PDB file of N, CA and C in Angstrom:
ATOM      1  N   UNK A   1     -10.237 -49.196  11.301  1.00  0.00           N
ATOM      2  CA  UNK A   1     -11.113 -49.140  12.451  1.00  0.00           C
ATOM      3  C   UNK A   1     -12.116 -47.883  12.063  1.00  0.00           C
ATOM      4  N   UNK A   2     -13.568 -48.150  12.326  1.00  0.00           N
ATOM      5  CA  UNK A   2     -13.975 -46.949  11.820  1.00  0.00           C
ATOM      6  C   UNK A   2     -14.642 -46.416  13.311  1.00  0.00           C
ATOM      7  N   UNK A   3     -15.214 -45.233  13.169  1.00  0.00           N
ATOM      8  CA  UNK A   3     -15.273 -44.400  14.260  1.00  0.00           C
ATOM      9  C   UNK A   3     -16.808 -44.252  14.276  1.00  0.00           C
ATOM     10  N   UNK A   4     -17.355 -44.616  15.531  1.00  0.00           N
ATOM     11  CA  UNK A   4     -19.180 -45.026  15.749  1.00  0.00           C
ATOM     12  C   UNK A   4     -19.395 -43.279  15.577  1.00  0.00           C
ATOM     13  N   UNK A   5     -20.719 -43.553  15.643  1.00  0.00           N
ATOM     14  CA  UNK A   5     -21.102 -42.131  15.307  1.00  0.00           C
ATOM     15  C   UNK A   5     -21.400 -41.110  16.167  1.00  0.00           C
ATOM     16  N   UNK A   6     -21.051 -41.329  17.833  1.00  0.00           N
ATOM     17  CA  UNK A   6     -21.016 -41.146  18.906  1.00  0.00           C
ATOM     18  C   UNK A   6     -19.280 -40.357  19.083  1.00  0.00           C
ATOM     19  N   UNK A   7     -18.633 -41.520  18.700  1.00  0.00           N
ATOM     20  CA  UNK A   7     -17.127 -40.740  19.003  1.00  0.00           C
ATOM     21  C   UNK A   7     -16.930 -39.822  17.927  1.00  0.00           C
ATOM     22  N   UNK A   8     -17.553 -39.730  16.612  1.00  0.00           N
ATOM     23  CA  UNK A   8     -17.493 -39.008  15.520  1.00  0.00           C
ATOM     24  C   UNK A   8     -17.656 -37.531  16.144  1.00  0.00           C
ATOM     25  N   UNK A   9     -19.188 -37.618  16.848  1.00  0.00           N
ATOM     26  CA  UNK A   9     -19.857 -36.476  17.323  1.00  0.00           C
ATOM     27  C   UNK A   9     -18.708 -35.916  18.650  1.00  0.00           C
ATOM     28  N   UNK A  10     -18.302 -36.328  19.109  1.00  0.00           N
ATOM     29  CA  UNK A  10     -17.266 -36.060  20.180  1.00  0.00           C
ATOM     30  C   UNK A  10     -16.243 -35.708  20.185  1.00  0.00           C
ATOM     31  N   UNK A  11     -15.499 -35.960  18.926  1.00  0.00           N
ATOM     32  CA  UNK A  11     -14.471 -35.504  18.282  1.00  0.00           C
ATOM     33  C   UNK A  11     -14.499 -34.183  17.824  1.00  0.00           C
ATOM     34  N   UNK A  12     -15.697 -34.226  16.981  1.00  0.00           N
ATOM     35  CA  UNK A  12     -16.241 -32.635  16.293  1.00  0.00           C
ATOM     36  C   UNK A  12     -16.315 -31.605  17.590  1.00  0.00           C
ATOM     37  N   UNK A  13     -17.239 -32.075  18.371  1.00  0.00           N
ATOM     38  CA  UNK A  13     -17.339 -31.324  19.803  1.00  0.00           C
ATOM     39  C   UNK A  13     -16.214 -30.825  20.215  1.00  0.00           C
ATOM     40  N   UNK A  14     -15.092 -31.854  20.471  1.00  0.00           N
ATOM     41  CA  UNK A  14     -13.874 -31.125  21.288  1.00  0.00           C
ATOM     42  C   UNK A  14     -13.176 -30.530  20.308  1.00  0.00           C
ATOM     43  N   UNK A  15     -12.654 -30.538  19.178  1.00  0.00           N
ATOM     44  CA  UNK A  15     -12.199 -29.927  18.268  1.00  0.00           C
ATOM     45  C   UNK A  15     -12.993 -28.291  18.018  1.00  0.00           C
ATOM     46  N   UNK A  16     -14.331 -28.259  18.007  1.00  0.00           N
ATOM     47  CA  UNK A  16     -14.850 -27.175  17.948  1.00  0.00           C
ATOM     48  C   UNK A  16     -14.631 -26.083  19.161  1.00  0.00           C
ATOM     49  N   UNK A  17     -14.713 -26.792  20.203  1.00  0.00           N
ATOM     50  CA  UNK A  17     -14.636 -26.345  21.798  1.00  0.00           C
ATOM     51  C   UNK A  17     -13.133 -25.568  21.706  1.00  0.00           C
ATOM     52  N   UNK A  18     -12.095 -26.755  21.366  1.00  0.00           N
ATOM     53  CA  UNK A  18     -10.802 -26.016  21.548  1.00  0.00           C
ATOM     54  C   UNK A  18     -10.121 -25.211  20.375  1.00  0.00           C
ATOM     55  N   UNK A  19     -11.185 -24.927  19.226  1.00  0.00           N
ATOM     56  CA  UNK A  19     -10.766 -23.821  18.117  1.00  0.00           C
ATOM     57  C   UNK A  19     -11.271 -22.592  18.941  1.00  0.00           C
ATOM     58  N   UNK A  20     -12.396 -22.911  19.325  1.00  0.00           N
ATOM     59  CA  UNK A  20     -13.245 -21.582  19.801  1.00  0.00           C
ATOM     60  C   UNK A  20     -12.531 -21.243  20.937  1.00  0.00           C
ATOM     61  N   UNK A  21     -11.865 -21.834  22.355  1.00  0.00           N
ATOM     62  CA  UNK A  21     -11.208 -21.216  23.234  1.00  0.00           C
ATOM     63  C   UNK A  21     -10.100 -20.427  22.752  1.00  0.00           C
ATOM     64  N   UNK A  22      -9.331 -21.093  22.064  1.00  0.00           N
ATOM     65  CA  UNK A  22      -7.932 -20.710  21.302  1.00  0.00           C
ATOM     66  C   UNK A  22      -8.155 -19.129  21.036  1.00  0.00           C
ATOM     67  N   UNK A  23      -9.203 -19.059  20.163  1.00  0.00           N
ATOM     68  CA  UNK A  23      -9.722 -17.828  19.753  1.00  0.00           C
ATOM     69  C   UNK A  23      -9.721 -16.707  20.497  1.00  0.00           C
ATOM     70  N   UNK A  24     -10.977 -16.871  21.696  1.00  0.00           N
ATOM     71  CA  UNK A  24     -10.975 -15.851  22.536  1.00  0.00           C
ATOM     72  C   UNK A  24     -10.017 -15.641  23.814  1.00  0.00           C
ATOM     73  N   UNK A  25      -8.995 -16.833  23.811  1.00  0.00           N
ATOM     74  CA  UNK A  25      -8.026 -17.015  24.999  1.00  0.00           C
ATOM     75  C   UNK A  25      -7.033 -15.991  24.750  1.00  0.00           C
ATOM     76  N   UNK A  26      -6.618 -16.163  23.448  1.00  0.00           N
ATOM     77  CA  UNK A  26      -5.680 -15.129  22.585  1.00  0.00           C
ATOM     78  C   UNK A  26      -6.100 -13.824  22.665  1.00  0.00           C
ATOM     79  N   UNK A  27      -6.936 -13.546  22.296  1.00  0.00           N
ATOM     80  CA  UNK A  27      -7.571 -12.315  22.372  1.00  0.00           C
ATOM     81  C   UNK A  27      -7.376 -11.630  23.696  1.00  0.00           C
ATOM     82  N   UNK A  28      -8.144 -12.061  24.861  1.00  0.00           N
ATOM     83  CA  UNK A  28      -7.805 -11.853  26.176  1.00  0.00           C
ATOM     84  C   UNK A  28      -6.716 -11.730  26.464  1.00  0.00           C
ATOM     85  N   UNK A  29      -5.863 -12.715  26.312  1.00  0.00           N
ATOM     86  CA  UNK A  29      -4.556 -12.590  26.950  1.00  0.00           C
ATOM     87  C   UNK A  29      -3.730 -11.133  26.306  1.00  0.00           C
ATOM     88  N   UNK A  30      -4.177 -10.877  25.363  1.00  0.00           N
ATOM     89  CA  UNK A  30      -3.515  -9.635  24.622  1.00  0.00           C
ATOM     90  C   UNK A  30      -4.109  -7.988  25.054  1.00  0.00           C
ATOM     91  N   UNK A  31      -5.438  -8.414  25.042  1.00  0.00           N
ATOM     92  CA  UNK A  31      -6.412  -7.312  25.922  1.00  0.00           C
ATOM     93  C   UNK A  31      -5.920  -6.754  27.597  1.00  0.00           C
ATOM     94  N   UNK A  32      -5.871  -8.120  28.103  1.00  0.00           N
ATOM     95  CA  UNK A  32      -5.960  -7.660  29.669  1.00  0.00           C
ATOM     96  C   UNK A  32      -4.688  -7.864  30.170  1.00  0.00           C
ATOM     97  N   UNK A  33      -4.213  -7.157  31.389  1.00  0.00           N
ATOM     98  CA  UNK A  33      -2.731  -7.863  31.903  1.00  0.00           C
ATOM     99  C   UNK A  33      -2.793  -9.338  32.465  1.00  0.00           C
ATOM    100  N   UNK A  34      -2.049  -9.710  32.736  1.00  0.00           N
ATOM    101  CA  UNK A  34      -1.949 -11.180  33.394  1.00  0.00           C
ATOM    102  C   UNK A  34      -1.959 -11.208  34.588  1.00  0.00           C
ATOM    103  N   UNK A  35      -3.109 -10.871  35.285  1.00  0.00           N
ATOM    104  CA  UNK A  35      -3.468 -10.672  36.670  1.00  0.00           C
ATOM    105  C   UNK A  35      -4.925 -11.192  36.700  1.00  0.00           C
ATOM    106  N   UNK A  36      -4.650 -12.529  37.876  1.00  0.00           N
ATOM    107  CA  UNK A  36      -6.361 -12.826  38.323  1.00  0.00           C
ATOM    108  C   UNK A  36      -7.021 -11.882  38.472  1.00  0.00           C
ATOM    109  N   UNK A  37      -8.453 -11.400  38.085  1.00  0.00           N
ATOM    110  CA  UNK A  37      -9.140 -10.559  38.438  1.00  0.00           C
ATOM    111  C   UNK A  37      -9.868 -10.533  39.888  1.00  0.00           C
ATOM    112  N   UNK A  38      -9.633 -11.404  40.482  1.00  0.00           N
ATOM    113  CA  UNK A  38     -10.451 -11.587  41.673  1.00  0.00           C
ATOM    114  C   UNK A  38      -9.113 -11.727  43.299  1.00  0.00           C
ATOM    115  N   UNK A  39      -7.932 -12.888  42.520  1.00  0.00           N
ATOM    116  CA  UNK A  39      -6.869 -13.090  43.821  1.00  0.00           C
ATOM    117  C   UNK A  39      -5.812 -12.065  43.859  1.00  0.00           C
ATOM    118  N   UNK A  40      -5.656 -11.567  42.209  1.00  0.00           N
ATOM    119  CA  UNK A  40      -4.798 -10.726  41.815  1.00  0.00           C
ATOM    120  C   UNK A  40      -3.587 -11.295  41.777  1.00  0.00           C
ATOM    121  N   UNK A  41      -3.291 -12.631  41.327  1.00  0.00           N
ATOM    122  CA  UNK A  41      -2.075 -13.235  41.502  1.00  0.00           C
ATOM    123  C   UNK A  41      -1.607 -12.717  40.057  1.00  0.00           C
ATOM    124  N   UNK A  42      -0.310 -12.597  40.074  1.00  0.00           N
ATOM    125  CA  UNK A  42       0.209 -12.243  38.661  1.00  0.00           C
ATOM    126  C   UNK A  42       0.775 -13.737  37.891  1.00  0.00           C
ATOM    127  N   UNK A  43       0.869 -13.740  36.794  1.00  0.00           N
ATOM    128  CA  UNK A  43       1.230 -14.596  35.804  1.00  0.00           C
ATOM    129  C   UNK A  43       2.435 -14.257  34.591  1.00  0.00           C
ATOM    130  N   UNK A  44       3.158 -15.115  34.564  1.00  0.00           N
ATOM    131  CA  UNK A  44       4.162 -14.819  33.566  1.00  0.00           C
ATOM    132  C   UNK A  44       4.077 -15.952  32.620  1.00  0.00           C
ATOM    133  N   UNK A  45       4.858 -15.877  31.466  1.00  0.00           N
ATOM    134  CA  UNK A  45       4.892 -17.346  30.711  1.00  0.00           C
ATOM    135  C   UNK A  45       4.940 -18.356  31.199  1.00  0.00           C
ATOM    136  N   UNK A  46       5.692 -18.481  32.046  1.00  0.00           N
ATOM    137  CA  UNK A  46       6.066 -19.861  32.724  1.00  0.00           C
ATOM    138  C   UNK A  46       4.797 -20.484  33.254  1.00  0.00           C
ATOM    139  N   UNK A  47       3.937 -19.672  33.789  1.00  0.00           N
ATOM    140  CA  UNK A  47       2.953 -19.947  34.526  1.00  0.00           C
ATOM    141  C   UNK A  47       1.621 -19.956  33.961  1.00  0.00           C
ATOM    142  N   UNK A  48       1.514 -19.235  32.995  1.00  0.00           N
ATOM    143  CA  UNK A  48       0.344 -18.441  32.147  1.00  0.00           C
ATOM    144  C   UNK A  48      -0.846 -19.504  31.779  1.00  0.00           C
ATOM    145  N   UNK A  49      -0.593 -20.837  31.696  1.00  0.00           N
ATOM    146  CA  UNK A  49      -1.171 -21.864  31.269  1.00  0.00           C
ATOM    147  C   UNK A  49      -2.420 -21.913  32.741  1.00  0.00           C
ATOM    148  N   UNK A  50      -2.019 -21.704  33.698  1.00  0.00           N
ATOM    149  CA  UNK A  50      -3.211 -21.553  34.912  1.00  0.00           C
ATOM    150  C   UNK A  50      -4.066 -20.259  34.940  1.00  0.00           C
ATOM    151  N   UNK A  51      -3.959 -19.442  33.556  1.00  0.00           N
ATOM    152  CA  UNK A  51      -4.928 -18.189  33.668  1.00  0.00           C
ATOM    153  C   UNK A  51      -5.733 -18.446  33.136  1.00  0.00           C
ATOM    154  N   UNK A  52      -6.913 -18.742  33.905  1.00  0.00           N
ATOM    155  CA  UNK A  52      -8.045 -18.961  32.275  1.00  0.00           C
ATOM    156  C   UNK A  52      -9.184 -17.505  31.791  1.00  0.00           C
ATOM    157  N   UNK A  53      -9.401 -17.917  31.122  1.00  0.00           N
ATOM    158  CA  UNK A  53     -10.803 -16.831  30.458  1.00  0.00           C
ATOM    159  C   UNK A  53     -12.169 -17.087  31.082  1.00  0.00           C
ATOM    160  N   UNK A  54     -12.809 -16.337  32.283  1.00  0.00           N
ATOM    161  CA  UNK A  54     -14.213 -16.839  32.367  1.00  0.00           C
ATOM    162  C   UNK A  54     -14.988 -16.078  31.790  1.00  0.00           C
ATOM    163  N   UNK A  55     -16.074 -16.358  31.596  1.00  0.00           N
ATOM    164  CA  UNK A  55     -17.372 -15.645  30.735  1.00  0.00           C
ATOM    165  C   UNK A  55     -18.020 -14.996  31.881  1.00  0.00           C
ATOM    166  N   UNK A  56     -18.306 -13.911  32.080  1.00  0.00           N
ATOM    167  CA  UNK A  56     -19.059 -13.123  33.003  1.00  0.00           C
ATOM    168  C   UNK A  56     -20.644 -13.482  32.760  1.00  0.00           C
ATOM    169  N   UNK A  57     -21.008 -13.770  31.605  1.00  0.00           N
ATOM    170  CA  UNK A  57     -22.369 -14.455  31.633  1.00  0.00           C
ATOM    171  C   UNK A  57     -22.831 -15.694  31.555  1.00  0.00           C
ATOM    172  N   UNK A  58     -21.583 -16.474  31.633  1.00  0.00           N
ATOM    173  CA  UNK A  58     -21.477 -17.606  31.605  1.00  0.00           C
ATOM    174  C   UNK A  58     -21.815 -18.297  30.138  1.00  0.00           C
ATOM    175  N   UNK A  59     -21.854 -17.587  29.158  1.00  0.00           N
ATOM    176  CA  UNK A  59     -21.986 -18.003  27.928  1.00  0.00           C
ATOM    177  C   UNK A  59     -20.777 -17.972  27.034  1.00  0.00           C
ATOM    178  N   UNK A  60     -20.521 -19.272  26.702  1.00  0.00           N
ATOM    179  CA  UNK A  60     -18.997 -19.270  26.083  1.00  0.00           C
ATOM    180  C   UNK A  60     -19.057 -19.107  24.816  1.00  0.00           C
ATOM    181  N   UNK A  61     -20.130 -18.926  24.295  1.00  0.00           N
ATOM    182  CA  UNK A  61     -20.305 -18.264  22.645  1.00  0.00           C
ATOM    183  C   UNK A  61     -20.592 -16.666  22.325  1.00  0.00           C
ATOM    184  N   UNK A  62     -21.070 -16.307  23.805  1.00  0.00           N
ATOM    185  CA  UNK A  62     -20.655 -14.733  23.718  1.00  0.00           C
ATOM    186  C   UNK A  62     -19.218 -14.077  23.974  1.00  0.00           C
ATOM    187  N   UNK A  63     -18.803 -13.848  22.893  1.00  0.00           N
ATOM    188  CA  UNK A  63     -17.440 -13.557  22.687  1.00  0.00           C
ATOM    189  C   UNK A  63     -17.249 -12.183  21.775  1.00  0.00           C
ATOM    190  N   UNK A  64     -17.480 -10.892  22.465  1.00  0.00           N
ATOM    191  CA  UNK A  64     -17.158  -9.768  21.922  1.00  0.00           C
ATOM    192  C   UNK A  64     -16.318  -9.102  21.659  1.00  0.00           C
ATOM    193  N   UNK A  65     -15.718  -8.613  20.574  1.00  0.00           N
ATOM    194  CA  UNK A  65     -14.273  -8.294  20.163  1.00  0.00           C
ATOM    195  C   UNK A  65     -13.644  -7.720  21.541  1.00  0.00           C
ATOM    196  N   UNK A  66     -14.626  -6.528  21.946  1.00  0.00           N
ATOM    197  CA  UNK A  66     -13.808  -5.482  22.959  1.00  0.00           C
ATOM    198  C   UNK A  66     -13.355  -6.412  24.246  1.00  0.00           C
ATOM    199  N   UNK A  67     -14.108  -7.619  24.313  1.00  0.00           N
ATOM    200  CA  UNK A  67     -13.659  -8.618  25.847  1.00  0.00           C
ATOM    201  C   UNK A  67     -14.682  -8.355  26.672  1.00  0.00           C
ATOM    202  N   UNK A  68     -15.295  -7.306  26.528  1.00  0.00           N
ATOM    203  CA  UNK A  68     -16.375  -7.008  27.589  1.00  0.00           C
ATOM    204  C   UNK A  68     -17.084  -8.212  28.591  1.00  0.00           C
ATOM    205  N   UNK A  69     -17.217  -9.450  27.931  1.00  0.00           N
ATOM    206  CA  UNK A  69     -17.759 -10.242  28.598  1.00  0.00           C
ATOM    207  C   UNK A  69     -16.779 -11.364  29.358  1.00  0.00           C
ATOM    208  N   UNK A  70     -15.245 -10.910  29.067  1.00  0.00           N
ATOM    209  CA  UNK A  70     -14.158 -11.647  29.696  1.00  0.00           C
ATOM    210  C   UNK A  70     -13.741 -11.502  31.047  1.00  0.00           C
ATOM    211  N   UNK A  71     -13.060 -12.014  31.700  1.00  0.00           N
ATOM    212  CA  UNK A  71     -12.438 -11.592  32.657  1.00  0.00           C
ATOM    213  C   UNK A  71     -11.292 -12.794  33.128  1.00  0.00           C
ATOM    214  N   UNK A  72     -10.202 -12.277  33.376  1.00  0.00           N
ATOM    215  CA  UNK A  72      -9.136 -13.444  33.427  1.00  0.00           C
ATOM    216  C   UNK A  72      -8.758 -13.957  34.911  1.00  0.00           C
ATOM    217  N   UNK A  73      -9.239 -14.922  35.120  1.00  0.00           N
ATOM    218  CA  UNK A  73      -9.009 -15.599  36.646  1.00  0.00           C
ATOM    219  C   UNK A  73      -8.090 -16.889  36.331  1.00  0.00           C
ATOM    220  N   UNK A  74      -7.350 -17.341  37.941  1.00  0.00           N
ATOM    221  CA  UNK A  74      -6.600 -18.104  38.091  1.00  0.00           C
ATOM    222  C   UNK A  74      -7.205 -19.344  37.993  1.00  0.00           C
ATOM    223  N   UNK A  75      -7.197 -20.433  37.876  1.00  0.00           N
ATOM    224  CA  UNK A  75      -7.869 -21.692  38.033  1.00  0.00           C
ATOM    225  C   UNK A  75      -8.411 -22.140  39.250  1.00  0.00           C
ATOM    226  N   UNK A  76      -8.051 -21.484  40.365  1.00  0.00           N
ATOM    227  CA  UNK A  76      -8.730 -21.906  41.401  1.00  0.00           C
ATOM    228  C   UNK A  76      -9.914 -20.628  41.667  1.00  0.00           C
ATOM    229  N   UNK A  77      -9.762 -19.269  41.251  1.00  0.00           N
ATOM    230  CA  UNK A  77     -10.965 -18.739  41.538  1.00  0.00           C
ATOM    231  C   UNK A  77     -11.808 -18.830  40.157  1.00  0.00           C
ATOM    232  N   UNK A  78     -11.353 -19.725  39.219  1.00  0.00           N
ATOM    233  CA  UNK A  78     -12.195 -19.667  37.806  1.00  0.00           C
ATOM    234  C   UNK A  78     -13.305 -21.067  38.576  1.00  0.00           C
ATOM    235  N   UNK A  79     -12.773 -21.957  39.208  1.00  0.00           N
ATOM    236  CA  UNK A  79     -13.489 -23.173  39.654  1.00  0.00           C
ATOM    237  C   UNK A  79     -14.543 -22.646  40.918  1.00  0.00           C
ATOM    238  N   UNK A  80     -13.876 -21.897  41.355  1.00  0.00           N
ATOM    239  CA  UNK A  80     -14.778 -21.131  42.701  1.00  0.00           C
ATOM    240  C   UNK A  80     -16.035 -20.467  41.957  1.00  0.00           C
ATOM    241  N   UNK A  81     -15.813 -19.717  41.218  1.00  0.00           N
ATOM    242  CA  UNK A  81     -16.854 -18.929  40.284  1.00  0.00           C
ATOM    243  C   UNK A  81     -17.684 -19.634  39.699  1.00  0.00           C
ATOM    244  N   UNK A  82     -17.436 -20.971  39.169  1.00  0.00           N
ATOM    245  CA  UNK A  82     -18.386 -21.803  38.603  1.00  0.00           C
ATOM    246  C   UNK A  82     -18.961 -22.353  39.588  1.00  0.00           C
ATOM    247  N   UNK A  83     -18.518 -22.950  40.570  1.00  0.00           N
ATOM    248  CA  UNK A  83     -19.308 -23.739  41.679  1.00  0.00           C
ATOM    249  C   UNK A  83     -20.307 -22.863  42.416  1.00  0.00           C
ATOM    250  N   UNK A  84     -19.674 -21.488  42.597  1.00  0.00           N
ATOM    251  CA  UNK A  84     -21.009 -20.650  43.060  1.00  0.00           C
ATOM    252  C   UNK A  84     -21.864 -20.299  42.091  1.00  0.00           C
ATOM    253  N   UNK A  85     -21.673 -20.322  41.179  1.00  0.00           N
ATOM    254  CA  UNK A  85     -22.734 -20.320  39.761  1.00  0.00           C
ATOM    255  C   UNK A  85     -23.804 -21.414  39.811  1.00  0.00           C
ATOM    256  N   UNK A  86     -23.098 -22.851  39.778  1.00  0.00           N
ATOM    257  CA  UNK A  86     -23.830 -23.948  39.839  1.00  0.00           C
ATOM    258  C   UNK A  86     -24.735 -23.868  41.015  1.00  0.00           C
ATOM    259  N   UNK A  87     -24.467 -23.677  42.444  1.00  0.00           N
ATOM    260  CA  UNK A  87     -25.049 -23.596  43.298  1.00  0.00           C
ATOM    261  C   UNK A  87     -26.092 -22.595  43.144  1.00  0.00           C
ATOM    262  N   UNK A  88     -25.980 -21.418  42.691  1.00  0.00           N
ATOM    263  CA  UNK A  88     -27.106 -20.471  42.503  1.00  0.00           C
ATOM    264  C   UNK A  88     -28.244 -20.865  41.388  1.00  0.00           C
ATOM    265  N   UNK A  89     -27.752 -21.641  40.717  1.00  0.00           N
ATOM    266  CA  UNK A  89     -28.554 -22.509  39.863  1.00  0.00           C
ATOM    267  C   UNK A  89     -29.274 -23.460  40.581  1.00  0.00           C
ATOM    268  N   UNK A  90     -28.597 -24.265  41.029  1.00  0.00           N
ATOM    269  CA  UNK A  90     -29.355 -25.377  42.026  1.00  0.00           C
ATOM    270  C   UNK A  90     -30.369 -24.981  43.329  1.00  0.00           C
ATOM    271  N   UNK A  91     -29.509 -24.263  43.948  1.00  0.00           N
ATOM    272  CA  UNK A  91     -30.729 -23.400  44.964  1.00  0.00           C
ATOM    273  C   UNK A  91     -31.145 -22.045  45.082  1.00  0.00           C
ATOM    274  N   UNK A  92     -30.887 -21.508  44.029  1.00  0.00           N
ATOM    275  CA  UNK A  92     -31.580 -20.225  44.299  1.00  0.00           C
ATOM    276  C   UNK A  92     -30.493 -19.441  45.052  1.00  0.00           C
ATOM    277  N   UNK A  93     -31.090 -17.842  45.111  1.00  0.00           N
ATOM    278  CA  UNK A  93     -30.230 -17.227  46.080  1.00  0.00           C
ATOM    279  C   UNK A  93     -30.835 -17.230  47.211  1.00  0.00           C
ATOM    280  N   UNK A  94     -29.668 -17.143  48.531  1.00  0.00           N
ATOM    281  CA  UNK A  94     -30.123 -17.125  49.548  1.00  0.00           C
ATOM    282  C   UNK A  94     -29.495 -15.947  50.278  1.00  0.00           C
ATOM    283  N   UNK A  95     -30.050 -15.515  51.377  1.00  0.00           N
ATOM    284  CA  UNK A  95     -29.687 -14.716  52.176  1.00  0.00           C
ATOM    285  C   UNK A  95     -28.790 -14.969  53.315  1.00  0.00           C
ATOM    286  N   UNK A  96     -28.955 -16.013  53.567  1.00  0.00           N
ATOM    287  CA  UNK A  96     -28.319 -16.598  54.750  1.00  0.00           C
ATOM    288  C   UNK A  96     -26.882 -16.987  54.419  1.00  0.00           C
ATOM    289  N   UNK A  97     -25.791 -16.556  54.836  1.00  0.00           N
ATOM    290  CA  UNK A  97     -24.457 -16.710  54.305  1.00  0.00           C
ATOM    291  C   UNK A  97     -24.131 -16.612  53.191  1.00  0.00           C
ATOM    292  N   UNK A  98     -24.765 -15.744  52.640  1.00  0.00           N
ATOM    293  CA  UNK A  98     -24.295 -15.104  51.004  1.00  0.00           C
ATOM    294  C   UNK A  98     -23.201 -14.279  51.607  1.00  0.00           C
ATOM    295  N   UNK A  99     -22.371 -14.360  50.856  1.00  0.00           N
ATOM    296  CA  UNK A  99     -21.126 -13.214  50.367  1.00  0.00           C
ATOM    297  C   UNK A  99     -21.266 -11.973  49.560  1.00  0.00           C
ATOM    298  N   UNK A 100     -21.065 -10.922  50.184  1.00  0.00           N
ATOM    299  CA  UNK A 100     -21.145  -9.539  49.312  1.00  0.00           C
ATOM    300  C   UNK A 100     -20.301  -9.859  48.115  1.00  0.00           C
ATOM    301  N   UNK A 101     -20.618  -8.925  46.702  1.00  0.00           N
ATOM    302  CA  UNK A 101     -19.966  -9.094  45.871  1.00  0.00           C
ATOM    303  C   UNK A 101     -18.222  -8.492  45.946  1.00  0.00           C
ATOM    304  N   UNK A 102     -17.510  -9.137  45.435  1.00  0.00           N
ATOM    305  CA  UNK A 102     -16.162  -8.341  45.355  1.00  0.00           C
ATOM    306  C   UNK A 102     -16.135  -7.042  44.438  1.00  0.00           C
ATOM    307  N   UNK A 103     -15.846  -5.916  45.452  1.00  0.00           N
ATOM    308  CA  UNK A 103     -15.676  -4.572  45.070  1.00  0.00           C
ATOM    309  C   UNK A 103     -14.069  -4.032  44.681  1.00  0.00           C
ATOM    310  N   UNK A 104     -13.092  -5.109  44.912  1.00  0.00           N
ATOM    311  CA  UNK A 104     -11.632  -4.733  44.933  1.00  0.00           C
ATOM    312  C   UNK A 104     -11.416  -4.772  43.384  1.00  0.00           C
ATOM    313  N   UNK A 105     -11.029  -3.558  42.825  1.00  0.00           N
ATOM    314  CA  UNK A 105     -10.478  -3.194  41.873  1.00  0.00           C
ATOM    315  C   UNK A 105      -8.897  -3.442  41.214  1.00  0.00           C
ATOM    316  N   UNK A 106      -8.120  -4.424  41.129  1.00  0.00           N
ATOM    317  CA  UNK A 106      -7.253  -4.718  41.134  1.00  0.00           C
ATOM    318  C   UNK A 106      -6.250  -3.506  39.755  1.00  0.00           C
ATOM    319  N   UNK A 107      -6.949  -3.288  39.315  1.00  0.00           N
ATOM    320  CA  UNK A 107      -6.501  -2.033  37.469  1.00  0.00           C
ATOM    321  C   UNK A 107      -7.110  -0.694  38.041  1.00  0.00           C
ATOM    322  N   UNK A 108      -7.737  -0.549  38.853  1.00  0.00           N
ATOM    323  CA  UNK A 108      -8.312   0.921  39.412  1.00  0.00           C
ATOM    324  C   UNK A 108      -6.997   2.009  39.517  1.00  0.00           C
ATOM    325  N   UNK A 109      -5.851   1.844  39.914  1.00  0.00           N
ATOM    326  CA  UNK A 109      -4.727   2.812  39.892  1.00  0.00           C
ATOM    327  C   UNK A 109      -3.903   2.213  38.961  1.00  0.00           C
ATOM    328  N   UNK A 110      -3.795   1.429  37.842  1.00  0.00           N
ATOM    329  CA  UNK A 110      -3.211   1.006  36.940  1.00  0.00           C
ATOM    330  C   UNK A 110      -2.355   2.365  36.408  1.00  0.00           C
ATOM    331  N   UNK A 111      -3.197   3.371  35.933  1.00  0.00           N
ATOM    332  CA  UNK A 111      -2.411   4.307  35.298  1.00  0.00           C
ATOM    333  C   UNK A 111      -1.016   4.915  35.940  1.00  0.00           C
ATOM    334  N   UNK A 112      -1.367   5.361  37.396  1.00  0.00           N
ATOM    335  CA  UNK A 112      -0.501   5.966  38.238  1.00  0.00           C
ATOM    336  C   UNK A 112       0.607   4.840  38.518  1.00  0.00           C
ATOM    337  N   UNK A 113       0.333   3.454  38.275  1.00  0.00           N
ATOM    338  CA  UNK A 113       1.305   2.182  38.689  1.00  0.00           C
ATOM    339  C   UNK A 113       2.443   2.442  37.833  1.00  0.00           C
ATOM    340  N   UNK A 114       1.682   2.499  36.241  1.00  0.00           N
ATOM    341  CA  UNK A 114       2.629   2.288  35.163  1.00  0.00           C
ATOM    342  C   UNK A 114       3.374   3.278  35.238  1.00  0.00           C
ATOM    343  N   UNK A 115       3.069   4.697  35.823  1.00  0.00           N
ATOM    344  CA  UNK A 115       4.520   5.725  35.553  1.00  0.00           C
ATOM    345  C   UNK A 115       5.389   5.410  36.416  1.00  0.00           C
ATOM    346  N   UNK A 116       5.147   5.004  37.685  1.00  0.00           N
ATOM    347  CA  UNK A 116       6.299   4.426  38.457  1.00  0.00           C
ATOM    348  C   UNK A 116       7.624   3.998  37.571  1.00  0.00           C
TER     349      UNK A 116
END
């Protein structure tokens, strides 16, 4: 059975995306502590599959080696971030009911915590 042109293109795209994700995901997991950058949930090898890499500029091809465009988010926070972004694209910025940007930094006192 031969693959249709569409099936071939889709298979190539899936393989490309999986390969790309594997590269930046592995790098991000080595660079950053296994903690969600929004809700501060901690992860172990057992539940690491629930920790995702979010691209801050929403460009999945922008993967600098220093990880400056990445943040680790749990599945729930990642979905929420993308939903908020889609709403911004679709409806534009609104002042009514708009939440202030998160200012909590779970790693602000990391050096002191590591000394304990």
